[in-house]
Amino acid sequence: MTRTSTSARNLYSLDNVARPHLTVNGKVTPVPFRNIDNIGPAGSVNSSVKDMSQWLRFHIAKGMLDGKRIA
């Protein structure tokens, strides 16, 4: 899982990332990420579909990865 974090600060250094936008004066405008690190424990996770599918596969396999239990 190389594209998963709980901090928006990590998103600035990644390419191919959805960016936040707001409508300003009737025009959709990109805006900076907000620093929401303080609410990270409340479930703030930034991830890719690939990473999330690996997480799901791990849970479906009941903690097994490459034939070894790691949980």
PDB file of N, CA and C in Angstrom:
ATOM      1  N   MET A   1       0.843  -1.168   0.000  1.00  0.00           N
ATOM      2  CA  MET A   1       0.000   0.000   0.000  1.00  0.00           C
ATOM      3  C   MET A   1       0.895   1.240   0.000  1.00  0.00           C
ATOM      4  N   THR A   2       1.224   1.702  -1.175  1.00  0.00           N
ATOM      5  CA  THR A   2       2.171   2.808  -1.306  1.00  0.00           C
ATOM      6  C   THR A   2       1.503   4.164  -1.502  1.00  0.00           C
ATOM      7  N   ARG A   3       0.191   4.174  -1.733  1.00  0.00           N
ATOM      8  CA  ARG A   3      -0.495   5.448  -1.960  1.00  0.00           C
ATOM      9  C   ARG A   3      -1.618   5.662  -0.936  1.00  0.00           C
ATOM     10  N   THR A   4      -1.363   5.265   0.297  1.00  0.00           N
ATOM     11  CA  THR A   4      -2.350   5.409   1.355  1.00  0.00           C
ATOM     12  C   THR A   4      -1.723   6.150   2.525  1.00  0.00           C
ATOM     13  N   SER A   5      -2.453   7.132   3.050  1.00  0.00           N
ATOM     14  CA  SER A   5      -1.968   7.881   4.203  1.00  0.00           C
ATOM     15  C   SER A   5      -3.153   8.485   4.943  1.00  0.00           C
ATOM     16  N   THR A   6      -2.867   9.066   6.086  1.00  0.00           N
ATOM     17  CA  THR A   6      -3.906   9.759   6.845  1.00  0.00           C
ATOM     18  C   THR A   6      -3.638  11.253   6.889  1.00  0.00           C
ATOM     19  N   SER A   7      -2.743  11.743   6.052  1.00  0.00           N
ATOM     20  CA  SER A   7      -2.404  13.162   6.016  1.00  0.00           C
ATOM     21  C   SER A   7      -2.574  13.723   4.612  1.00  0.00           C
ATOM     22  N   ALA A   8      -3.255  14.846   4.503  1.00  0.00           N
ATOM     23  CA  ALA A   8      -3.411  15.498   3.199  1.00  0.00           C
ATOM     24  C   ALA A   8      -2.084  16.066   2.711  1.00  0.00           C
ATOM     25  N   ARG A   9      -1.148  16.311   3.614  1.00  0.00           N
ATOM     26  CA  ARG A   9       0.157  16.865   3.207  1.00  0.00           C
ATOM     27  C   ARG A   9       0.859  15.950   2.209  1.00  0.00           C
ATOM     28  N   ASN A  10       0.662  14.652   2.324  1.00  0.00           N
ATOM     29  CA  ASN A  10       1.302  13.702   1.408  1.00  0.00           C
ATOM     30  C   ASN A  10       0.744  13.812  -0.008  1.00  0.00           C
ATOM     31  N   LEU A  11      -0.464  14.318  -0.159  1.00  0.00           N
ATOM     32  CA  LEU A  11      -1.097  14.382  -1.471  1.00  0.00           C
ATOM     33  C   LEU A  11      -0.419  15.384  -2.396  1.00  0.00           C
ATOM     34  N   TYR A  12       0.198  16.426  -1.842  1.00  0.00           N
ATOM     35  CA  TYR A  12       0.840  17.438  -2.674  1.00  0.00           C
ATOM     36  C   TYR A  12       1.968  16.867  -3.520  1.00  0.00           C
ATOM     37  N   SER A  13       2.616  15.823  -3.035  1.00  0.00           N
ATOM     38  CA  SER A  13       3.760  15.266  -3.758  1.00  0.00           C
ATOM     39  C   SER A  13       3.367  14.160  -4.740  1.00  0.00           C
ATOM     40  N   LEU A  14       2.092  13.797  -4.801  1.00  0.00           N
ATOM     41  CA  LEU A  14       1.645  12.724  -5.688  1.00  0.00           C
ATOM     42  C   LEU A  14       1.039  13.278  -6.967  1.00  0.00           C
ATOM     43  N   ASP A  15       1.200  12.534  -8.047  1.00  0.00           N
ATOM     44  CA  ASP A  15       0.513  12.881  -9.286  1.00  0.00           C
ATOM     45  C   ASP A  15      -0.760  12.035  -9.381  1.00  0.00           C
ATOM     46  N   ASN A  16      -1.613  12.354 -10.305  1.00  0.00           N
ATOM     47  CA  ASN A  16      -2.847  11.604 -10.538  1.00  0.00           C
ATOM     48  C   ASN A  16      -3.694  11.500  -9.272  1.00  0.00           C
ATOM     49  N   VAL A  17      -3.959  12.668  -8.657  1.00  0.00           N
ATOM     50  CA  VAL A  17      -4.732  12.740  -7.424  1.00  0.00           C
ATOM     51  C   VAL A  17      -5.918  13.676  -7.657  1.00  0.00           C
ATOM     52  N   ALA A  18      -7.087  13.288  -7.187  1.00  0.00           N
ATOM     53  CA  ALA A  18      -8.246  14.178  -7.254  1.00  0.00           C
ATOM     54  C   ALA A  18      -7.988  15.376  -6.351  1.00  0.00           C
ATOM     55  N   ARG A  19      -8.238  16.549  -6.858  1.00  0.00           N
ATOM     56  CA  ARG A  19      -7.989  17.790  -6.126  1.00  0.00           C
ATOM     57  C   ARG A  19      -9.327  18.436  -5.740  1.00  0.00           C
ATOM     58  N   PRO A  20      -9.357  19.124  -4.597  1.00  0.00           N
ATOM     59  CA  PRO A  20     -10.600  19.796  -4.198  1.00  0.00           C
ATOM     60  C   PRO A  20     -10.874  21.012  -5.078  1.00  0.00           C
ATOM     61  N   HIS A  21     -12.150  21.288  -5.289  1.00  0.00           N
ATOM     62  CA  HIS A  21     -12.586  22.443  -6.074  1.00  0.00           C
ATOM     63  C   HIS A  21     -13.764  23.103  -5.374  1.00  0.00           C
ATOM     64  N   LEU A  22     -13.918  24.392  -5.597  1.00  0.00           N
ATOM     65  CA  LEU A  22     -15.072  25.152  -5.126  1.00  0.00           C
ATOM     66  C   LEU A  22     -15.592  26.000  -6.278  1.00  0.00           C
ATOM     67  N   THR A  23     -16.856  26.373  -6.226  1.00  0.00           N
ATOM     68  CA  THR A  23     -17.388  27.315  -7.195  1.00  0.00           C
ATOM     69  C   THR A  23     -17.153  28.722  -6.661  1.00  0.00           C
ATOM     70  N   VAL A  24     -16.366  29.518  -7.383  1.00  0.00           N
ATOM     71  CA  VAL A  24     -16.050  30.885  -6.994  1.00  0.00           C
ATOM     72  C   VAL A  24     -16.519  31.803  -8.115  1.00  0.00           C
ATOM     73  N   ASN A  25     -17.441  32.691  -7.809  1.00  0.00           N
ATOM     74  CA  ASN A  25     -18.000  33.608  -8.813  1.00  0.00           C
ATOM     75  C   ASN A  25     -18.551  32.855 -10.021  1.00  0.00           C
ATOM     76  N   GLY A  26     -19.208  31.725  -9.755  1.00  0.00           N
ATOM     77  CA  GLY A  26     -19.823  30.952 -10.819  1.00  0.00           C
ATOM     78  C   GLY A  26     -18.866  30.084 -11.620  1.00  0.00           C
ATOM     79  N   LYS A  27     -17.593  30.038 -11.221  1.00  0.00           N
ATOM     80  CA  LYS A  27     -16.591  29.248 -11.949  1.00  0.00           C
ATOM     81  C   LYS A  27     -15.982  28.206 -11.017  1.00  0.00           C
ATOM     82  N   VAL A  28     -15.903  26.958 -11.488  1.00  0.00           N
ATOM     83  CA  VAL A  28     -15.285  25.892 -10.697  1.00  0.00           C
ATOM     84  C   VAL A  28     -13.779  26.149 -10.663  1.00  0.00           C
ATOM     85  N   THR A  29     -13.246  26.264  -9.435  1.00  0.00           N
ATOM     86  CA  THR A  29     -11.852  26.668  -9.248  1.00  0.00           C
ATOM     87  C   THR A  29     -11.142  25.686  -8.328  1.00  0.00           C
ATOM     88  N   PRO A  30      -9.929  25.222  -8.709  1.00  0.00           N
ATOM     89  CA  PRO A  30      -9.177  24.352  -7.798  1.00  0.00           C
ATOM     90  C   PRO A  30      -8.761  25.136  -6.552  1.00  0.00           C
ATOM     91  N   VAL A  31      -8.796  24.479  -5.406  1.00  0.00           N
ATOM     92  CA  VAL A  31      -8.380  25.088  -4.144  1.00  0.00           C
ATOM     93  C   VAL A  31      -7.390  24.163  -3.457  1.00  0.00           C
ATOM     94  N   PRO A  32      -6.569  24.693  -2.550  1.00  0.00           N
ATOM     95  CA  PRO A  32      -5.600  23.834  -1.846  1.00  0.00           C
ATOM     96  C   PRO A  32      -6.307  22.827  -0.938  1.00  0.00           C
ATOM     97  N   PHE A  33      -5.613  21.741  -0.662  1.00  0.00           N
ATOM     98  CA  PHE A  33      -6.105  20.784   0.324  1.00  0.00           C
ATOM     99  C   PHE A  33      -6.148  21.470   1.681  1.00  0.00           C
ATOM    100  N   ARG A  34      -7.134  21.146   2.485  1.00  0.00           N
ATOM    101  CA  ARG A  34      -7.190  21.650   3.857  1.00  0.00           C
ATOM    102  C   ARG A  34      -6.385  20.717   4.743  1.00  0.00           C
ATOM    103  N   ASN A  35      -5.743  21.272   5.753  1.00  0.00           N
ATOM    104  CA  ASN A  35      -5.018  20.452   6.713  1.00  0.00           C
ATOM    105  C   ASN A  35      -6.034  19.881   7.701  1.00  0.00           C
ATOM    106  N   ILE A  36      -6.375  18.620   7.514  1.00  0.00           N
ATOM    107  CA  ILE A  36      -7.355  17.962   8.390  1.00  0.00           C
ATOM    108  C   ILE A  36      -6.680  16.876   9.230  1.00  0.00           C
ATOM    109  N   ASP A  37      -5.373  17.030   9.455  1.00  0.00           N
ATOM    110  CA  ASP A  37      -4.635  16.015  10.202  1.00  0.00           C
ATOM    111  C   ASP A  37      -5.193  15.778  11.603  1.00  0.00           C
ATOM    112  N   ASN A  38      -5.746  16.795  12.232  1.00  0.00           N
ATOM    113  CA  ASN A  38      -6.267  16.629  13.594  1.00  0.00           C
ATOM    114  C   ASN A  38      -7.488  15.732  13.650  1.00  0.00           C
ATOM    115  N   ILE A  39      -8.205  15.567  12.535  1.00  0.00           N
ATOM    116  CA  ILE A  39      -9.362  14.675  12.553  1.00  0.00           C
ATOM    117  C   ILE A  39      -9.041  13.329  11.898  1.00  0.00           C
ATOM    118  N   GLY A  40      -7.778  13.102  11.583  1.00  0.00           N
ATOM    119  CA  GLY A  40      -7.359  11.849  10.969  1.00  0.00           C
ATOM    120  C   GLY A  40      -7.841  10.606  11.698  1.00  0.00           C
ATOM    121  N   PRO A  41      -7.763  10.575  13.032  1.00  0.00           N
ATOM    122  CA  PRO A  41      -8.234   9.386  13.740  1.00  0.00           C
ATOM    123  C   PRO A  41      -9.727   9.119  13.558  1.00  0.00           C
ATOM    124  N   ALA A  42     -10.460  10.113  13.071  1.00  0.00           N
ATOM    125  CA  ALA A  42     -11.904   9.934  12.869  1.00  0.00           C
ATOM    126  C   ALA A  42     -12.202   9.221  11.552  1.00  0.00           C
ATOM    127  N   GLY A  43     -11.190   8.747  10.863  1.00  0.00           N
ATOM    128  CA  GLY A  43     -11.417   7.981   9.645  1.00  0.00           C
ATOM    129  C   GLY A  43     -10.957   8.665   8.379  1.00  0.00           C
ATOM    130  N   SER A  44     -10.098   9.649   8.503  1.00  0.00           N
ATOM    131  CA  SER A  44      -9.607  10.373   7.338  1.00  0.00           C
ATOM    132  C   SER A  44      -8.494   9.569   6.666  1.00  0.00           C
ATOM    133  N   VAL A  45      -8.826   8.885   5.593  1.00  0.00           N
ATOM    134  CA  VAL A  45      -7.856   8.077   4.875  1.00  0.00           C
ATOM    135  C   VAL A  45      -7.850   8.506   3.418  1.00  0.00           C
ATOM    136  N   ASN A  46      -6.665   8.740   2.893  1.00  0.00           N
ATOM    137  CA  ASN A  46      -6.485   9.030   1.472  1.00  0.00           C
ATOM    138  C   ASN A  46      -5.839   7.802   0.857  1.00  0.00           C
ATOM    139  N   SER A  47      -6.425   7.296  -0.213  1.00  0.00           N
ATOM    140  CA  SER A  47      -5.922   6.047  -0.772  1.00  0.00           C
ATOM    141  C   SER A  47      -6.266   5.948  -2.243  1.00  0.00           C
ATOM    142  N   SER A  48      -5.667   4.970  -2.891  1.00  0.00           N
ATOM    143  CA  SER A  48      -5.981   4.661  -4.280  1.00  0.00           C
ATOM    144  C   SER A  48      -6.866   3.418  -4.333  1.00  0.00           C
ATOM    145  N   VAL A  49      -7.507   3.214  -5.443  1.00  0.00           N
ATOM    146  CA  VAL A  49      -8.338   2.021  -5.613  1.00  0.00           C
ATOM    147  C   VAL A  49      -7.481   0.763  -5.475  1.00  0.00           C
ATOM    148  N   LYS A  50      -6.288   0.796  -6.027  1.00  0.00           N
ATOM    149  CA  LYS A  50      -5.399  -0.374  -5.938  1.00  0.00           C
ATOM    150  C   LYS A  50      -5.067  -0.697  -4.484  1.00  0.00           C
ATOM    151  N   ASP A  51      -4.688   0.315  -3.707  1.00  0.00           N
ATOM    152  CA  ASP A  51      -4.358   0.075  -2.309  1.00  0.00           C
ATOM    153  C   ASP A  51      -5.566  -0.428  -1.529  1.00  0.00           C
ATOM    154  N   MET A  52      -6.722   0.173  -1.752  1.00  0.00           N
ATOM    155  CA  MET A  52      -7.906  -0.262  -1.020  1.00  0.00           C
ATOM    156  C   MET A  52      -8.307  -1.690  -1.392  1.00  0.00           C
ATOM    157  N   SER A  53      -8.114  -2.074  -2.656  1.00  0.00           N
ATOM    158  CA  SER A  53      -8.435  -3.446  -3.046  1.00  0.00           C
ATOM    159  C   SER A  53      -7.462  -4.430  -2.391  1.00  0.00           C
ATOM    160  N   GLN A  54      -6.199  -4.037  -2.220  1.00  0.00           N
ATOM    161  CA  GLN A  54      -5.250  -4.902  -1.515  1.00  0.00           C
ATOM    162  C   GLN A  54      -5.654  -5.066  -0.049  1.00  0.00           C
ATOM    163  N   TRP A  55      -6.112  -3.989   0.570  1.00  0.00           N
ATOM    164  CA  TRP A  55      -6.573  -4.036   1.960  1.00  0.00           C
ATOM    165  C   TRP A  55      -7.771  -4.973   2.090  1.00  0.00           C
ATOM    166  N   LEU A  56      -8.692  -4.864   1.150  1.00  0.00           N
ATOM    167  CA  LEU A  56      -9.876  -5.725   1.163  1.00  0.00           C
ATOM    168  C   LEU A  56      -9.488  -7.193   0.973  1.00  0.00           C
ATOM    169  N   ARG A  57      -8.589  -7.465   0.030  1.00  0.00           N
ATOM    170  CA  ARG A  57      -8.141  -8.842  -0.199  1.00  0.00           C
ATOM    171  C   ARG A  57      -7.482  -9.420   1.054  1.00  0.00           C
ATOM    172  N   PHE A  58      -6.711  -8.596   1.757  1.00  0.00           N
ATOM    173  CA  PHE A  58      -6.067  -9.027   2.993  1.00  0.00           C
ATOM    174  C   PHE A  58      -7.110  -9.452   4.020  1.00  0.00           C
ATOM    175  N   HIS A  59      -8.178  -8.671   4.162  1.00  0.00           N
ATOM    176  CA  HIS A  59      -9.214  -9.003   5.131  1.00  0.00           C
ATOM    177  C   HIS A  59     -10.032 -10.218   4.701  1.00  0.00           C
ATOM    178  N   ILE A  60     -10.310 -10.331   3.427  1.00  0.00           N
ATOM    179  CA  ILE A  60     -11.033 -11.508   2.929  1.00  0.00           C
ATOM    180  C   ILE A  60     -10.227 -12.772   3.190  1.00  0.00           C
ATOM    181  N   ALA A  61      -8.893 -12.652   3.087  1.00  0.00           N
ATOM    182  CA  ALA A  61      -7.999 -13.796   3.324  1.00  0.00           C
ATOM    183  C   ALA A  61      -7.736 -14.016   4.821  1.00  0.00           C
ATOM    184  N   LYS A  62      -8.431 -13.286   5.673  1.00  0.00           N
ATOM    185  CA  LYS A  62      -8.321 -13.435   7.135  1.00  0.00           C
ATOM    186  C   LYS A  62      -6.896 -13.243   7.637  1.00  0.00           C
ATOM    187  N   GLY A  63      -6.232 -12.199   7.118  1.00  0.00           N
ATOM    188  CA  GLY A  63      -4.900 -11.833   7.616  1.00  0.00           C
ATOM    189  C   GLY A  63      -3.758 -12.579   6.965  1.00  0.00           C
ATOM    190  N   MET A  64      -4.010 -13.278   5.872  1.00  0.00           N
ATOM    191  CA  MET A  64      -2.962 -14.027   5.198  1.00  0.00           C
ATOM    192  C   MET A  64      -2.425 -13.222   4.012  1.00  0.00           C
ATOM    193  N   LEU A  65      -1.106 -13.225   3.868  1.00  0.00           N
ATOM    194  CA  LEU A  65      -0.452 -12.584   2.731  1.00  0.00           C
ATOM    195  C   LEU A  65       0.652 -13.501   2.245  1.00  0.00           C
ATOM    196  N   ASP A  66       0.573 -13.907   1.003  1.00  0.00           N
ATOM    197  CA  ASP A  66       1.561 -14.820   0.425  1.00  0.00           C
ATOM    198  C   ASP A  66       1.751 -16.075   1.262  1.00  0.00           C
ATOM    199  N   GLY A  67       0.637 -16.607   1.771  1.00  0.00           N
ATOM    200  CA  GLY A  67       0.674 -17.847   2.541  1.00  0.00           C
ATOM    201  C   GLY A  67       1.102 -17.698   3.983  1.00  0.00           C
ATOM    202  N   LYS A  68       1.327 -16.463   4.457  1.00  0.00           N
ATOM    203  CA  LYS A  68       1.742 -16.234   5.841  1.00  0.00           C
ATOM    204  C   LYS A  68       0.736 -15.335   6.543  1.00  0.00           C
ATOM    205  N   ARG A  69       0.415 -15.650   7.784  1.00  0.00           N
ATOM    206  CA  ARG A  69      -0.478 -14.807   8.573  1.00  0.00           C
ATOM    207  C   ARG A  69       0.337 -13.630   9.121  1.00  0.00           C
ATOM    208  N   ILE A  70      -0.126 -12.433   8.858  1.00  0.00           N
ATOM    209  CA  ILE A  70       0.609 -11.273   9.344  1.00  0.00           C
ATOM    210  C   ILE A  70      -0.234 -10.420  10.301  1.00  0.00           C
ATOM    211  N   ALA A  71      -1.442 -10.868  10.569  1.00  0.00           N
ATOM    212  CA  ALA A  71      -2.277 -10.092  11.507  1.00  0.00           C
ATOM    213  C   ALA A  71      -2.564 -10.911  12.741  1.00  0.00           C
TER     214      ALA A  71
END
